[in-house]
N, C-alpha and C. Protein backbone atom coordinates (compact mmCIF):
# COMPACT_ATOMS: atom_id res chain seq x y z
N MET A 1 40.45 -129.72 -16.45
CA MET A 1 39.51 -130.79 -16.19
C MET A 1 39.93 -131.51 -14.91
N ALA A 2 38.94 -131.88 -14.10
CA ALA A 2 39.22 -132.50 -12.79
C ALA A 2 38.33 -133.71 -12.57
N ILE A 3 38.72 -134.48 -11.59
CA ILE A 3 37.94 -135.63 -11.16
C ILE A 3 37.65 -135.45 -9.67
N HIS A 4 36.40 -135.68 -9.27
CA HIS A 4 36.01 -135.48 -7.87
C HIS A 4 36.33 -136.75 -7.08
N VAL A 5 37.08 -136.60 -6.00
CA VAL A 5 37.53 -137.74 -5.21
C VAL A 5 36.99 -137.64 -3.78
N ARG A 6 36.45 -138.76 -3.31
CA ARG A 6 36.02 -138.88 -1.91
C ARG A 6 36.67 -140.14 -1.33
N ILE A 7 37.34 -139.98 -0.18
CA ILE A 7 37.89 -141.12 0.56
C ILE A 7 37.08 -141.22 1.84
N VAL A 8 36.31 -142.30 1.95
CA VAL A 8 35.37 -142.45 3.05
C VAL A 8 35.73 -143.68 3.88
N CYS A 9 35.81 -143.51 5.19
CA CYS A 9 36.00 -144.66 6.09
C CYS A 9 34.87 -144.64 7.12
N PRO A 10 34.70 -145.72 7.88
CA PRO A 10 33.58 -145.78 8.81
C PRO A 10 33.53 -144.63 9.82
N GLU A 11 34.69 -144.15 10.23
CA GLU A 11 34.71 -143.11 11.27
C GLU A 11 34.60 -141.68 10.74
N HIS A 12 35.02 -141.47 9.48
CA HIS A 12 35.05 -140.09 8.99
C HIS A 12 35.23 -140.03 7.47
N LEU A 13 35.02 -138.84 6.95
CA LEU A 13 35.32 -138.53 5.56
C LEU A 13 36.76 -138.03 5.55
N ALA A 14 37.68 -138.82 5.02
CA ALA A 14 39.10 -138.49 5.09
C ALA A 14 39.52 -137.43 4.08
N PHE A 15 38.83 -137.40 2.92
CA PHE A 15 39.23 -136.47 1.86
C PHE A 15 38.08 -136.28 0.90
N GLU A 16 37.90 -135.04 0.43
CA GLU A 16 36.94 -134.77 -0.63
C GLU A 16 37.35 -133.49 -1.35
N GLU A 17 37.76 -133.65 -2.61
CA GLU A 17 38.17 -132.50 -3.43
C GLU A 17 38.17 -132.90 -4.89
N ASP A 18 38.23 -131.89 -5.75
CA ASP A 18 38.46 -132.11 -7.17
C ASP A 18 39.96 -132.15 -7.38
N VAL A 19 40.46 -133.14 -8.12
CA VAL A 19 41.89 -133.30 -8.34
C VAL A 19 42.16 -133.59 -9.82
N ALA A 20 43.43 -133.49 -10.19
CA ALA A 20 43.83 -133.76 -11.56
C ALA A 20 44.15 -135.24 -11.78
N PHE A 21 44.67 -135.91 -10.73
CA PHE A 21 45.13 -137.30 -10.88
C PHE A 21 45.32 -137.92 -9.50
N LEU A 22 45.13 -139.23 -9.41
CA LEU A 22 45.45 -139.95 -8.18
C LEU A 22 45.87 -141.37 -8.52
N THR A 23 46.59 -141.98 -7.58
CA THR A 23 46.93 -143.39 -7.72
C THR A 23 46.31 -144.13 -6.54
N VAL A 24 45.91 -145.37 -6.80
CA VAL A 24 45.25 -146.19 -5.78
C VAL A 24 45.91 -147.57 -5.79
N PRO A 25 46.25 -148.11 -4.60
CA PRO A 25 46.86 -149.44 -4.55
C PRO A 25 45.80 -150.54 -4.65
N SER A 26 45.54 -150.99 -5.86
CA SER A 26 44.53 -152.03 -6.05
C SER A 26 45.15 -153.40 -5.85
N THR A 27 44.31 -154.40 -5.76
CA THR A 27 44.81 -155.77 -5.63
C THR A 27 45.46 -156.25 -6.92
N ASP A 28 45.27 -155.52 -8.03
CA ASP A 28 45.91 -155.85 -9.30
C ASP A 28 47.12 -154.97 -9.60
N GLY A 29 47.54 -154.18 -8.64
CA GLY A 29 48.66 -153.26 -8.83
C GLY A 29 48.19 -151.82 -8.68
N SER A 30 49.11 -150.90 -8.74
CA SER A 30 48.78 -149.49 -8.59
C SER A 30 47.99 -149.00 -9.80
N MET A 31 46.88 -148.34 -9.54
CA MET A 31 46.01 -147.82 -10.60
C MET A 31 46.09 -146.30 -10.62
N GLY A 32 46.35 -145.74 -11.79
CA GLY A 32 46.31 -144.30 -11.96
C GLY A 32 44.93 -143.91 -12.49
N ILE A 33 44.37 -142.84 -11.92
CA ILE A 33 43.03 -142.41 -12.33
C ILE A 33 43.07 -140.92 -12.64
N ALA A 34 42.60 -140.58 -13.82
CA ALA A 34 42.54 -139.19 -14.28
C ALA A 34 41.14 -138.93 -14.83
N PRO A 35 40.82 -137.67 -15.13
CA PRO A 35 39.52 -137.40 -15.75
C PRO A 35 39.31 -138.25 -17.00
N ARG A 36 38.05 -138.57 -17.24
CA ARG A 36 37.62 -139.41 -18.37
C ARG A 36 38.05 -140.87 -18.25
N HIS A 37 38.41 -141.28 -17.04
CA HIS A 37 38.76 -142.68 -16.81
C HIS A 37 37.53 -143.55 -17.04
N ALA A 38 37.73 -144.73 -17.56
CA ALA A 38 36.62 -145.66 -17.79
C ALA A 38 35.95 -146.01 -16.47
N SER A 39 34.65 -146.26 -16.52
CA SER A 39 33.92 -146.67 -15.32
C SER A 39 34.44 -148.03 -14.87
N GLU A 40 34.61 -148.16 -13.57
CA GLU A 40 35.23 -149.37 -13.05
C GLU A 40 34.98 -149.46 -11.54
N ILE A 41 34.93 -150.68 -11.05
CA ILE A 41 34.89 -150.95 -9.61
C ILE A 41 35.99 -151.96 -9.34
N PHE A 42 36.82 -151.68 -8.33
CA PHE A 42 37.88 -152.62 -8.00
C PHE A 42 38.19 -152.59 -6.51
N THR A 43 38.93 -153.60 -6.05
CA THR A 43 39.29 -153.70 -4.63
C THR A 43 40.63 -153.04 -4.37
N ILE A 44 40.78 -152.58 -3.13
CA ILE A 44 41.99 -151.89 -2.70
C ILE A 44 42.72 -152.78 -1.71
N GLU A 45 44.04 -152.74 -1.77
CA GLU A 45 44.84 -153.39 -0.74
C GLU A 45 45.50 -152.30 0.09
N PRO A 46 45.90 -152.60 1.31
CA PRO A 46 46.54 -151.57 2.14
C PRO A 46 47.77 -151.00 1.44
N GLY A 47 47.90 -149.69 1.53
CA GLY A 47 49.03 -149.02 0.89
C GLY A 47 48.83 -147.52 0.92
N PHE A 48 49.26 -146.86 -0.13
CA PHE A 48 49.23 -145.41 -0.16
C PHE A 48 48.58 -144.89 -1.43
N THR A 49 47.71 -143.91 -1.26
CA THR A 49 47.07 -143.21 -2.36
C THR A 49 47.74 -141.85 -2.48
N THR A 50 48.23 -141.54 -3.67
CA THR A 50 48.80 -140.21 -3.89
C THR A 50 47.81 -139.39 -4.70
N ILE A 51 47.77 -138.11 -4.37
CA ILE A 51 46.82 -137.19 -5.01
C ILE A 51 47.59 -136.02 -5.59
N CYS A 52 47.29 -135.72 -6.83
CA CYS A 52 47.87 -134.56 -7.53
C CYS A 52 46.73 -133.59 -7.77
N ALA A 53 46.69 -132.51 -7.01
CA ALA A 53 45.56 -131.59 -7.08
C ALA A 53 45.50 -130.82 -8.40
N GLN A 54 46.64 -130.32 -8.86
CA GLN A 54 46.65 -129.45 -10.03
C GLN A 54 47.12 -130.11 -11.31
N LYS A 55 48.15 -130.98 -11.18
CA LYS A 55 48.80 -131.50 -12.37
C LYS A 55 49.39 -132.88 -12.07
N MET A 56 49.25 -133.79 -13.00
CA MET A 56 49.81 -135.12 -12.84
C MET A 56 51.31 -135.02 -12.59
N GLY A 57 51.79 -135.76 -11.61
CA GLY A 57 53.22 -135.75 -11.29
C GLY A 57 53.58 -134.83 -10.14
N GLU A 58 52.69 -133.92 -9.77
CA GLU A 58 52.94 -133.00 -8.65
C GLU A 58 52.06 -133.42 -7.48
N VAL A 59 52.58 -134.31 -6.65
CA VAL A 59 51.82 -134.87 -5.54
C VAL A 59 51.59 -133.80 -4.47
N THR A 60 50.34 -133.60 -4.12
CA THR A 60 49.98 -132.61 -3.09
C THR A 60 49.52 -133.25 -1.79
N SER A 61 49.03 -134.49 -1.86
CA SER A 61 48.57 -135.20 -0.66
C SER A 61 48.85 -136.68 -0.82
N GLU A 62 49.02 -137.32 0.33
CA GLU A 62 49.20 -138.76 0.33
C GLU A 62 48.45 -139.33 1.53
N PHE A 63 47.71 -140.40 1.28
CA PHE A 63 46.95 -141.06 2.34
C PHE A 63 47.36 -142.52 2.46
N ALA A 64 47.56 -142.95 3.69
CA ALA A 64 47.71 -144.38 3.97
C ALA A 64 46.29 -144.92 4.06
N ILE A 65 46.01 -145.99 3.34
CA ILE A 65 44.65 -146.53 3.35
C ILE A 65 44.68 -148.03 3.61
N GLY A 66 43.59 -148.50 4.20
CA GLY A 66 43.41 -149.92 4.42
C GLY A 66 42.64 -150.54 3.28
N THR A 67 42.19 -151.75 3.47
CA THR A 67 41.45 -152.45 2.42
C THR A 67 40.12 -151.76 2.15
N GLY A 68 39.58 -152.02 0.97
CA GLY A 68 38.29 -151.44 0.62
C GLY A 68 37.97 -151.60 -0.84
N PHE A 69 37.12 -150.69 -1.31
CA PHE A 69 36.64 -150.72 -2.69
C PHE A 69 36.68 -149.32 -3.28
N VAL A 70 36.81 -149.26 -4.62
CA VAL A 70 36.79 -148.00 -5.35
C VAL A 70 35.77 -148.10 -6.47
N GLU A 71 35.02 -147.03 -6.64
CA GLU A 71 34.13 -146.92 -7.79
C GLU A 71 34.58 -145.69 -8.58
N VAL A 72 34.81 -145.88 -9.86
CA VAL A 72 35.17 -144.79 -10.76
C VAL A 72 34.05 -144.69 -11.79
N ALA A 73 33.43 -143.51 -11.90
CA ALA A 73 32.36 -143.30 -12.87
C ALA A 73 32.09 -141.80 -13.03
N ASP A 74 31.93 -141.38 -14.27
CA ASP A 74 31.54 -140.01 -14.57
C ASP A 74 32.43 -138.96 -13.87
N ASP A 75 33.72 -139.12 -13.97
CA ASP A 75 34.69 -138.20 -13.35
C ASP A 75 34.49 -138.06 -11.85
N ARG A 76 34.11 -139.18 -11.23
CA ARG A 76 33.98 -139.26 -9.77
C ARG A 76 34.69 -140.52 -9.30
N VAL A 77 35.39 -140.40 -8.18
CA VAL A 77 36.03 -141.56 -7.56
C VAL A 77 35.55 -141.61 -6.12
N ILE A 78 34.97 -142.73 -5.75
CA ILE A 78 34.56 -142.93 -4.35
C ILE A 78 35.34 -144.12 -3.83
N MET A 79 36.14 -143.86 -2.80
CA MET A 79 36.92 -144.92 -2.16
C MET A 79 36.29 -145.21 -0.80
N LEU A 80 35.85 -146.44 -0.61
CA LEU A 80 35.31 -146.88 0.68
C LEU A 80 36.37 -147.77 1.30
N VAL A 81 37.02 -147.28 2.35
CA VAL A 81 38.14 -147.99 2.95
C VAL A 81 37.93 -148.19 4.45
N GLU A 82 38.56 -149.23 4.99
CA GLU A 82 38.42 -149.50 6.41
C GLU A 82 39.07 -148.43 7.27
N ARG A 83 40.12 -147.79 6.74
CA ARG A 83 40.80 -146.70 7.44
C ARG A 83 41.59 -145.86 6.46
N ALA A 84 41.82 -144.61 6.83
CA ALA A 84 42.62 -143.70 6.00
C ALA A 84 43.26 -142.65 6.90
N GLU A 85 44.53 -142.39 6.65
CA GLU A 85 45.28 -141.40 7.43
C GLU A 85 46.07 -140.52 6.47
N ASN A 86 46.00 -139.22 6.69
CA ASN A 86 46.79 -138.29 5.90
C ASN A 86 48.24 -138.42 6.36
N VAL A 87 49.14 -138.81 5.47
CA VAL A 87 50.53 -139.05 5.83
C VAL A 87 51.18 -137.80 6.41
N ALA A 88 50.82 -136.62 5.92
CA ALA A 88 51.40 -135.37 6.41
C ALA A 88 51.08 -135.11 7.88
N GLU A 89 50.03 -135.72 8.40
CA GLU A 89 49.62 -135.50 9.79
C GLU A 89 50.17 -136.55 10.76
N LEU A 90 50.88 -137.54 10.25
CA LEU A 90 51.39 -138.61 11.10
C LEU A 90 52.63 -138.16 11.87
N LYS A 91 52.75 -138.65 13.10
CA LYS A 91 53.91 -138.36 13.93
C LYS A 91 54.55 -139.67 14.35
N ALA A 92 55.83 -139.82 14.03
CA ALA A 92 56.56 -141.06 14.31
C ALA A 92 56.51 -141.42 15.79
N SER A 93 56.67 -140.44 16.67
CA SER A 93 56.70 -140.73 18.11
C SER A 93 55.37 -141.32 18.58
N GLU A 94 54.26 -140.80 18.07
CA GLU A 94 52.94 -141.33 18.45
C GLU A 94 52.75 -142.74 17.92
N LEU A 95 53.19 -142.98 16.70
CA LEU A 95 53.07 -144.31 16.11
C LEU A 95 53.94 -145.33 16.85
N GLN A 96 55.14 -144.93 17.23
CA GLN A 96 56.02 -145.84 17.97
C GLN A 96 55.43 -146.18 19.34
N THR A 97 54.80 -145.20 19.97
CA THR A 97 54.15 -145.45 21.26
C THR A 97 53.00 -146.44 21.10
N LYS A 98 52.17 -146.21 20.09
CA LYS A 98 51.05 -147.13 19.81
C LYS A 98 51.56 -148.53 19.51
N LEU A 99 52.59 -148.62 18.70
CA LEU A 99 53.16 -149.91 18.32
C LEU A 99 53.64 -150.67 19.56
N LYS A 100 54.33 -149.97 20.43
CA LYS A 100 54.83 -150.60 21.66
C LYS A 100 53.67 -151.09 22.53
N GLU A 101 52.62 -150.27 22.64
CA GLU A 101 51.44 -150.66 23.43
C GLU A 101 50.77 -151.90 22.86
N PHE A 102 50.61 -151.95 21.54
CA PHE A 102 49.99 -153.11 20.90
C PHE A 102 50.84 -154.37 21.10
N GLU A 103 52.15 -154.22 20.97
CA GLU A 103 53.04 -155.37 21.16
C GLU A 103 53.02 -155.88 22.60
N GLU A 104 52.96 -154.96 23.57
CA GLU A 104 52.88 -155.35 24.98
C GLU A 104 51.56 -156.06 25.26
N GLU A 105 50.48 -155.52 24.71
CA GLU A 105 49.17 -156.13 24.90
C GLU A 105 49.14 -157.53 24.28
N LEU A 106 49.75 -157.67 23.12
CA LEU A 106 49.83 -158.97 22.45
C LEU A 106 50.58 -159.98 23.32
N GLY A 107 51.65 -159.53 23.96
CA GLY A 107 52.43 -160.41 24.84
C GLY A 107 51.67 -160.89 26.05
N ASN A 108 50.63 -160.16 26.44
CA ASN A 108 49.84 -160.53 27.61
C ASN A 108 48.67 -161.46 27.29
N LEU A 109 48.43 -161.73 26.03
CA LEU A 109 47.30 -162.58 25.64
C LEU A 109 47.73 -164.03 25.50
N SER A 110 46.80 -164.93 25.74
CA SER A 110 47.09 -166.34 25.54
C SER A 110 47.17 -166.63 24.04
N ALA A 111 47.77 -167.74 23.68
CA ALA A 111 47.99 -168.09 22.27
C ALA A 111 46.70 -168.27 21.49
N ASP A 112 45.61 -168.62 22.16
CA ASP A 112 44.34 -168.85 21.46
C ASP A 112 43.34 -167.72 21.63
N ASP A 113 43.77 -166.59 22.12
CA ASP A 113 42.87 -165.44 22.31
C ASP A 113 42.54 -164.83 20.95
N ALA A 114 41.26 -164.66 20.67
CA ALA A 114 40.80 -164.12 19.38
C ALA A 114 41.24 -162.67 19.17
N GLN A 115 41.52 -161.96 20.23
CA GLN A 115 41.94 -160.56 20.13
C GLN A 115 43.31 -160.43 19.45
N ARG A 116 44.07 -161.50 19.39
CA ARG A 116 45.40 -161.47 18.77
C ARG A 116 45.33 -161.00 17.32
N VAL A 117 44.31 -161.42 16.59
CA VAL A 117 44.17 -161.04 15.19
C VAL A 117 44.07 -159.53 15.06
N ASN A 118 43.25 -158.90 15.89
CA ASN A 118 43.12 -157.44 15.84
C ASN A 118 44.44 -156.75 16.15
N LEU A 119 45.15 -157.27 17.13
CA LEU A 119 46.43 -156.67 17.49
C LEU A 119 47.47 -156.85 16.38
N TYR A 120 47.48 -157.99 15.73
CA TYR A 120 48.39 -158.19 14.59
C TYR A 120 48.10 -157.16 13.50
N ASN A 121 46.81 -156.92 13.24
CA ASN A 121 46.43 -155.92 12.23
C ASN A 121 46.88 -154.51 12.62
N GLU A 122 46.71 -154.16 13.88
CA GLU A 122 47.12 -152.83 14.36
C GLU A 122 48.64 -152.67 14.30
N ILE A 123 49.36 -153.73 14.66
CA ILE A 123 50.82 -153.71 14.60
C ILE A 123 51.28 -153.53 13.15
N ALA A 124 50.68 -154.28 12.23
CA ALA A 124 51.05 -154.17 10.82
C ALA A 124 50.75 -152.77 10.29
N TRP A 125 49.63 -152.19 10.70
CA TRP A 125 49.26 -150.83 10.26
C TRP A 125 50.29 -149.82 10.76
N CYS A 126 50.65 -149.90 12.03
CA CYS A 126 51.64 -148.97 12.59
C CYS A 126 52.98 -149.11 11.87
N LYS A 127 53.39 -150.33 11.59
CA LYS A 127 54.67 -150.55 10.89
C LYS A 127 54.62 -149.98 9.47
N LEU A 128 53.49 -150.13 8.79
CA LEU A 128 53.34 -149.57 7.45
C LEU A 128 53.49 -148.05 7.49
N LEU A 129 52.83 -147.41 8.45
CA LEU A 129 52.90 -145.95 8.56
C LEU A 129 54.30 -145.49 8.94
N LEU A 130 54.92 -146.17 9.88
CA LEU A 130 56.28 -145.80 10.29
C LEU A 130 57.27 -145.93 9.15
N LYS A 131 57.14 -146.98 8.36
CA LYS A 131 58.03 -147.19 7.23
C LYS A 131 57.93 -146.03 6.25
N ARG A 132 56.72 -145.56 6.01
CA ARG A 132 56.51 -144.45 5.07
C ARG A 132 57.10 -143.14 5.62
N ILE A 133 56.90 -142.91 6.91
CA ILE A 133 57.43 -141.68 7.51
C ILE A 133 58.96 -141.70 7.46
N GLN A 134 59.54 -142.83 7.77
CA GLN A 134 61.01 -142.93 7.81
C GLN A 134 61.61 -142.84 6.41
N ALA A 135 60.85 -143.23 5.39
CA ALA A 135 61.34 -143.17 4.02
C ALA A 135 61.34 -141.75 3.47
N ALA A 136 60.52 -140.90 4.07
CA ALA A 136 60.37 -139.52 3.57
C ALA A 136 61.51 -138.62 4.00
């Protein structure tokens, strides 16, 4: 028995497959979802979604995800997130370069520049991804 999972962000469809189990970082804590899960809608906080394609406990994919929403119904999970990245495809050197660029750009802005908020978000995202890569 499987549950159909779609991870959708504004720029692309990050993932779509039938899986045995997944975890989602909700605002109420990590949620495990398996077939026959009760229908539910909840919010997501930035973190990591793990996917077990064949069997619970055997992680086959992991995605870094931003904020968003999840709908669980009829053995389907639809995650609408602001961003999603496959952890296996991340490269530390590229993330460190991006992080440095964002920090330099932040240093060039005035204290009241509205763009600072976007840069803080990008810096936090890069740090989250780097922390996960370095932990692996």
